[in-house]
Protein backbone atom coordinates (compact mmCIF):
# COMPACT_ATOMS: atom_id res chain seq x y z
CA MET A 1 -13.37 8.67 -17.34
CA ALA A 2 -16.26 8.83 -19.76
CA ASP A 3 -16.88 6.59 -22.73
CA THR A 4 -18.60 9.55 -24.32
CA LEU A 5 -21.44 9.54 -26.78
CA PRO A 6 -20.95 10.92 -30.27
CA ALA A 7 -21.98 14.18 -31.86
CA VAL A 8 -23.65 11.85 -34.36
CA PRO A 9 -24.31 8.38 -32.87
CA ASP A 10 -23.27 5.03 -34.30
CA SER A 11 -24.72 1.57 -33.67
CA ASP A 12 -21.68 0.41 -31.68
CA SER A 13 -22.17 3.31 -29.26
CA ALA A 14 -25.79 2.25 -28.74
CA ASP A 15 -24.62 -1.31 -28.01
CA ARG A 16 -22.06 -0.07 -25.47
CA HIS A 17 -24.81 1.77 -23.58
CA ALA A 18 -27.76 -0.56 -24.21
CA GLN A 19 -28.54 -1.04 -20.52
CA ALA A 20 -28.64 2.67 -19.73
CA ASN A 21 -30.65 3.44 -22.86
CA ALA A 22 -33.20 0.79 -21.92
CA LEU A 23 -33.48 1.90 -18.29
CA LEU A 24 -33.90 5.56 -19.22
CA GLY A 25 -36.03 5.05 -22.31
CA THR A 26 -33.57 6.90 -24.52
CA THR A 27 -34.91 7.29 -28.03
CA GLY A 28 -32.17 9.24 -29.76
CA PRO A 29 -29.92 12.28 -29.93
CA ALA A 30 -30.78 15.95 -30.00
CA ARG A 31 -28.99 19.28 -29.97
CA GLY A 32 -30.17 22.30 -28.03
CA LYS A 33 -29.68 24.61 -25.07
CA LEU A 34 -29.42 22.96 -21.68
CA GLY A 35 -28.86 24.65 -18.33
CA SER A 36 -26.92 23.46 -15.33
CA ALA A 37 -29.81 21.91 -13.41
CA ASP A 38 -31.15 19.90 -16.34
CA SER A 39 -27.67 18.81 -17.38
CA GLU A 40 -26.82 17.69 -13.85
CA ARG A 41 -30.10 15.81 -13.53
CA ALA A 42 -29.61 14.03 -16.85
CA ASN A 43 -26.05 12.98 -16.11
CA ARG A 44 -26.81 11.81 -12.60
CA ARG A 45 -29.47 9.51 -14.02
CA TRP A 46 -27.24 8.46 -16.91
CA TRP A 47 -24.24 7.41 -14.84
CA ASP A 48 -26.46 5.63 -12.32
CA ALA A 49 -28.01 3.66 -15.18
CA ASP A 50 -24.74 3.03 -17.04
CA ALA A 51 -22.56 2.16 -14.05
CA ASP A 52 -22.79 -1.63 -14.40
CA GLN A 53 -22.19 -1.79 -18.14
CA TYR A 54 -19.45 0.84 -17.96
CA HIS A 55 -17.54 -1.24 -15.44
CA GLN A 56 -18.09 -4.47 -17.33
CA THR A 57 -16.19 -2.83 -20.19
CA HIS A 58 -13.62 -0.64 -18.46
CA ALA A 59 -13.02 -1.77 -14.86
CA ASP A 60 -10.01 -3.91 -15.71
CA PHE A 61 -8.22 -1.18 -17.70
CA LEU A 62 -8.87 1.38 -14.95
CA GLY A 63 -7.82 -0.92 -12.11
CA VAL A 64 -11.18 -0.52 -10.38
CA ASP A 65 -11.02 -3.91 -8.71
CA SER A 66 -7.32 -3.96 -7.88
CA PRO A 67 -6.73 -3.68 -4.11
CA GLY A 68 -4.99 -0.32 -4.39
CA GLY A 69 -6.79 1.14 -7.40
CA GLU A 70 -4.90 2.77 -10.29
CA PHE A 71 -4.58 6.31 -11.63
CA VAL A 72 -5.03 6.13 -15.40
CA TRP A 73 -5.46 9.56 -16.97
CA CYS A 74 -6.83 8.56 -20.36
CA PRO A 75 -7.50 5.79 -22.89
CA GLU A 76 -3.91 6.21 -24.09
CA GLY A 77 -2.89 4.64 -20.78
CA LEU A 78 -0.91 7.48 -19.15
CA HIS A 79 -0.49 6.64 -15.47
CA GLU A 80 0.08 9.20 -12.73
CA GLY A 81 2.78 6.96 -11.28
CA ASP A 82 4.80 7.58 -14.45
CA MET A 83 3.71 11.09 -15.41
CA HIS A 84 3.62 12.87 -12.00
CA PHE A 85 1.34 15.61 -13.31
CA LEU A 86 0.25 16.28 -9.72
CA GLY A 87 3.80 16.39 -8.38
CA ASP A 88 4.57 15.14 -4.88
CA VAL A 89 1.30 13.90 -3.34
CA VAL A 90 2.61 12.61 -0.01
CA GLY A 91 0.66 14.21 2.82
CA LYS A 92 -1.37 16.35 0.42
CA ARG A 93 -5.14 16.80 0.54
CA VAL A 94 -6.43 15.99 -2.94
CA LEU A 95 -9.90 16.52 -4.38
CA GLU A 96 -10.85 14.24 -7.25
CA ILE A 97 -13.77 15.64 -9.25
CA GLY A 98 -15.88 13.13 -11.17
CA CYS A 99 -14.16 10.23 -9.40
CA GLY A 100 -16.59 7.55 -10.59
CA SER A 101 -15.74 4.38 -8.67
CA ALA A 102 -12.63 6.14 -7.32
CA PRO A 103 -9.69 3.99 -8.49
CA CYS A 104 -7.63 7.19 -8.84
CA SER A 105 -8.43 8.36 -5.32
CA ARG A 106 -7.62 4.93 -3.90
CA TRP A 107 -4.29 4.91 -5.74
CA LEU A 108 -3.51 8.38 -4.37
CA ALA A 109 -4.26 7.16 -0.84
CA GLY A 110 -1.82 4.30 -1.33
CA ALA A 111 0.77 6.81 -2.53
CA GLY A 112 0.52 8.76 0.74
CA ALA A 113 -2.06 11.41 -0.15
CA HIS A 114 -5.30 12.25 1.66
CA PRO A 115 -7.86 12.20 -1.17
CA VAL A 116 -11.57 12.91 -1.26
CA GLY A 117 -13.57 11.60 -4.21
CA LEU A 118 -16.57 13.54 -5.53
CA ASP A 119 -19.08 12.37 -8.12
CA ILE A 120 -22.63 13.19 -9.17
CA SER A 121 -23.64 9.52 -9.45
CA MET A 122 -24.45 7.36 -6.46
CA GLY A 123 -24.32 4.32 -8.74
CA MET A 124 -20.69 5.02 -9.59
CA LEU A 125 -19.78 5.81 -5.98
CA ALA A 126 -21.43 2.60 -4.80
CA ARG A 127 -19.17 0.65 -7.14
CA GLY A 128 -16.21 2.34 -5.47
CA VAL A 129 -17.49 1.46 -1.99
CA ALA A 130 -17.85 -2.17 -3.08
CA ALA A 131 -14.25 -2.18 -4.30
CA MET A 132 -13.02 -0.71 -1.02
CA ASP A 133 -15.01 -3.28 0.95
CA ARG A 134 -12.82 -5.96 -0.63
CA GLY A 135 -9.65 -4.39 0.76
CA GLY A 136 -7.08 -1.70 0.13
CA PRO A 137 -7.09 1.97 1.07
CA ARG A 138 -10.38 3.58 2.03
CA VAL A 139 -11.17 7.13 0.96
CA PRO A 140 -14.15 9.39 1.74
CA LEU A 141 -16.59 9.75 -1.14
CA VAL A 142 -19.04 12.63 -1.60
CA GLN A 143 -22.04 12.83 -3.91
CA ALA A 144 -22.21 16.34 -5.36
CA GLY A 145 -21.95 18.29 -8.59
CA ALA A 146 -18.77 19.97 -9.79
CA GLU A 147 -20.39 23.40 -10.18
CA ALA A 148 -20.97 23.77 -6.42
CA LEU A 149 -18.18 22.04 -4.51
CA PRO A 150 -19.28 21.44 -0.89
CA PHE A 151 -15.92 22.36 0.62
CA ALA A 152 -14.40 25.35 2.39
CA ASP A 153 -12.12 27.84 0.69
CA GLU A 154 -8.46 26.78 0.42
CA SER A 155 -9.12 23.31 1.82
CA PHE A 156 -7.13 21.24 -0.74
CA ASP A 157 -3.53 21.15 -1.89
CA LEU A 158 -4.33 19.51 -5.23
CA ALA A 159 -7.34 18.81 -7.44
CA CYS A 160 -7.69 16.39 -10.33
CA SER A 161 -10.22 14.94 -12.74
CA ALA A 162 -9.48 12.05 -15.09
CA PHE A 163 -12.27 12.28 -17.66
CA GLY A 164 -14.54 13.23 -14.79
CA GLY A 165 -17.09 16.01 -14.45
CA VAL A 166 -15.68 18.72 -16.72
CA PRO A 167 -17.31 17.74 -20.06
CA PHE A 168 -20.66 17.00 -18.42
CA VAL A 169 -21.46 20.36 -16.84
CA ALA A 170 -23.18 23.25 -18.55
CA ASP A 171 -20.93 25.85 -16.90
CA SER A 172 -17.36 24.56 -16.92
CA ALA A 173 -16.08 28.10 -16.26
CA LEU A 174 -17.85 27.88 -12.89
CA VAL A 175 -16.10 24.58 -12.21
CA MET A 176 -12.75 26.32 -12.77
CA ARG A 177 -13.73 29.07 -10.33
CA GLU A 178 -14.88 26.54 -7.75
CA VAL A 179 -11.62 24.60 -8.04
CA ALA A 180 -9.66 27.83 -7.65
CA ARG A 181 -11.71 28.64 -4.55
CA VAL A 182 -11.06 25.34 -2.77
CA LEU A 183 -7.35 25.17 -3.71
CA LYS A 184 -4.69 26.56 -1.43
CA PRO A 185 -2.18 29.01 -2.93
CA GLY A 186 0.42 27.00 -4.79
CA GLY A 187 -2.12 24.24 -5.43
CA ARG A 188 -2.28 22.39 -8.72
CA TRP A 189 -5.37 21.48 -10.81
CA VAL A 190 -5.01 18.80 -13.49
CA PHE A 191 -7.87 17.50 -15.61
CA SER A 192 -8.15 15.32 -18.69
CA VAL A 193 -10.97 15.48 -21.24
CA ASN A 194 -11.66 14.11 -24.67
CA HIS A 195 -9.65 16.31 -27.00
CA PRO A 196 -11.86 19.18 -28.24
CA MET A 197 -11.10 18.42 -31.88
CA ARG A 198 -12.80 15.03 -31.42
CA TRP A 199 -16.12 16.91 -31.34
CA ILE A 200 -16.07 17.22 -35.12
CA PHE A 201 -15.89 13.46 -35.76
CA LEU A 202 -18.28 10.55 -35.38
CA ASP A 203 -17.88 8.53 -32.19
CA ASP A 204 -16.46 5.65 -34.21
CA PRO A 205 -13.05 3.96 -33.78
CA GLY A 206 -12.95 2.96 -37.46
CA GLU A 207 -12.62 4.74 -40.78
CA ALA A 208 -16.02 6.42 -40.41
CA GLY A 209 -14.52 8.23 -37.42
CA LEU A 210 -11.96 9.94 -39.63
CA VAL A 211 -14.51 12.12 -41.41
CA ALA A 212 -15.37 15.56 -40.00
CA THR A 213 -19.13 15.98 -39.57
CA VAL A 214 -19.71 18.77 -37.01
CA SER A 215 -18.23 22.26 -36.76
CA TYR A 216 -15.49 22.59 -34.15
CA PHE A 217 -17.00 25.97 -33.28
CA ASP A 218 -20.51 24.62 -32.62
CA ARG A 219 -20.83 24.67 -28.83
CA THR A 220 -24.44 23.48 -28.80
CA PRO A 221 -24.65 20.65 -26.24
CA TYR A 222 -25.10 17.10 -27.43
CA ILE A 223 -27.95 15.43 -25.56
CA GLU A 224 -29.85 12.15 -25.58
CA VAL A 225 -33.60 12.30 -24.89
CA ASP A 226 -36.45 9.97 -24.02
CA ALA A 227 -39.82 9.77 -25.77
CA ASP A 228 -41.03 12.87 -23.91
CA GLY A 229 -37.99 14.87 -24.91
CA THR A 230 -36.50 14.78 -21.40
CA PRO A 231 -32.69 14.72 -21.51
CA THR A 232 -31.14 11.43 -20.39
CA TYR A 233 -27.52 12.39 -21.15
CA ALA A 234 -25.67 15.64 -21.80
CA GLU A 235 -22.20 16.57 -22.97
CA HIS A 236 -20.85 20.07 -23.48
CA HIS A 237 -18.18 21.02 -26.00
CA ARG A 238 -15.52 23.65 -25.44
CA THR A 239 -12.63 24.51 -27.76
CA ILE A 240 -9.02 24.50 -26.61
CA GLY A 241 -9.20 28.29 -26.47
CA ASP A 242 -12.36 28.15 -24.35
CA ARG A 243 -10.64 25.88 -21.84
CA VAL A 244 -7.62 28.16 -21.63
CA ARG A 245 -9.75 31.27 -21.12
CA GLU A 246 -11.85 29.56 -18.43
CA ILE A 247 -8.71 28.53 -16.54
CA VAL A 248 -7.16 32.00 -16.73
CA ALA A 249 -10.42 33.79 -15.86
CA ALA A 250 -10.62 31.71 -12.68
CA GLY A 251 -7.31 33.19 -11.56
CA LEU A 252 -5.28 30.08 -12.34
CA THR A 253 -2.07 29.87 -14.32
CA LEU A 254 -1.94 27.41 -17.20
CA VAL A 255 1.26 25.38 -16.94
CA ASP A 256 0.86 22.82 -19.72
CA ILE A 257 -1.49 21.16 -22.20
CA VAL A 258 -0.57 17.53 -22.86
CA GLU A 259 -1.84 15.76 -26.00
CA PRO A 260 -0.81 12.11 -25.60
CA ASP A 261 0.45 10.07 -28.53
CA TRP A 262 -1.17 6.69 -29.03
CA PRO A 263 1.33 4.20 -27.58
CA GLU A 264 2.68 1.48 -29.87
CA TRP A 265 1.97 -1.23 -27.29
CA LEU A 266 -1.74 -0.43 -26.94
CA ASP A 267 -4.08 -2.20 -29.36
CA ARG A 268 -7.19 -1.78 -27.19
CA GLU A 269 -10.18 0.24 -28.36
CA TRP A 270 -12.09 2.39 -25.88
CA GLY A 271 -15.29 3.62 -27.46
CA GLN A 272 -14.12 6.08 -30.10
CA TRP A 273 -10.44 5.78 -29.09
CA SER A 274 -8.44 3.39 -31.26
CA PRO A 275 -4.96 2.85 -32.71
CA LEU A 276 -6.29 3.93 -36.13
CA ARG A 277 -7.48 7.33 -34.96
CA GLY A 278 -4.77 7.76 -32.34
CA GLU A 279 -2.05 7.54 -34.98
CA ILE A 280 -3.55 10.53 -36.82
CA PHE A 281 -4.87 12.97 -34.21
CA PRO A 282 -5.07 13.24 -30.42
CA GLY A 283 -7.94 11.77 -28.43
CA THR A 284 -7.16 13.38 -25.10
CA ALA A 285 -6.16 16.79 -23.77
CA ILE A 286 -4.71 17.11 -20.28
CA PHE A 287 -4.66 20.59 -18.78
CA VAL A 288 -2.23 21.43 -15.97
CA ALA A 289 -2.88 24.61 -14.00
CA GLU A 290 -1.72 26.16 -10.74
CA LYS A 291 -3.05 28.67 -8.24
CA ARG A 292 -0.37 31.25 -7.51
């Protein structure tokens, strides 16, 4: 799950990522075209640099250090154990894309599945290995990008991504095709992303984050750059319609789009996610698709 940067940054966002910004020499935001290779390179470096600070903030909520991991879909706290978006996982081979430190994959293993976790960042994967070294289920982890999955055709029963690789690739349509390729017929693909309408607002959990500042239809990537203009972070916006068309074009059938309400019991802020904003508009979109 990504604590994503804003279309227009705020000082709190800079504080949340101070370590990564310092390590990478990030000087500020930019907007412009960015291809797959440059985007992948930037995000590999970013998540390696941000891994420690990310986990200092979010490991407890995500269950990273619990013996069996946890499968939390989004900042609104939806748990796979309650939602069953993936259906029956017992005995199923599951690919988790953008697994980070793999708490979801470890939870799936404890639930009887046979998961494989994939992530672009060795720093994030190393955090998962450290968690597994302390006990609980062990799962295989693979370092690779989501646009070229290193697996054979029809080798998985299910695929999932909880705020994983989808927003951070230049060609998310290719990711959908790759997932369709590695899924067996009847397989299910479920992924959660920051809700596309969030693109138009500041990355701010307070009142400033209630004001629209960027066009919903502007698909220009948001990037962070260093003093030489080299990208250190990249995020790619797609509308709800874009996501639907990419899923369908890959030969998958869209089953559902879930837009979670902000739960009354949750008073925790996660980056731009907050009770204030969550009461007014959705922060997360969860897409459920199947391969017929």
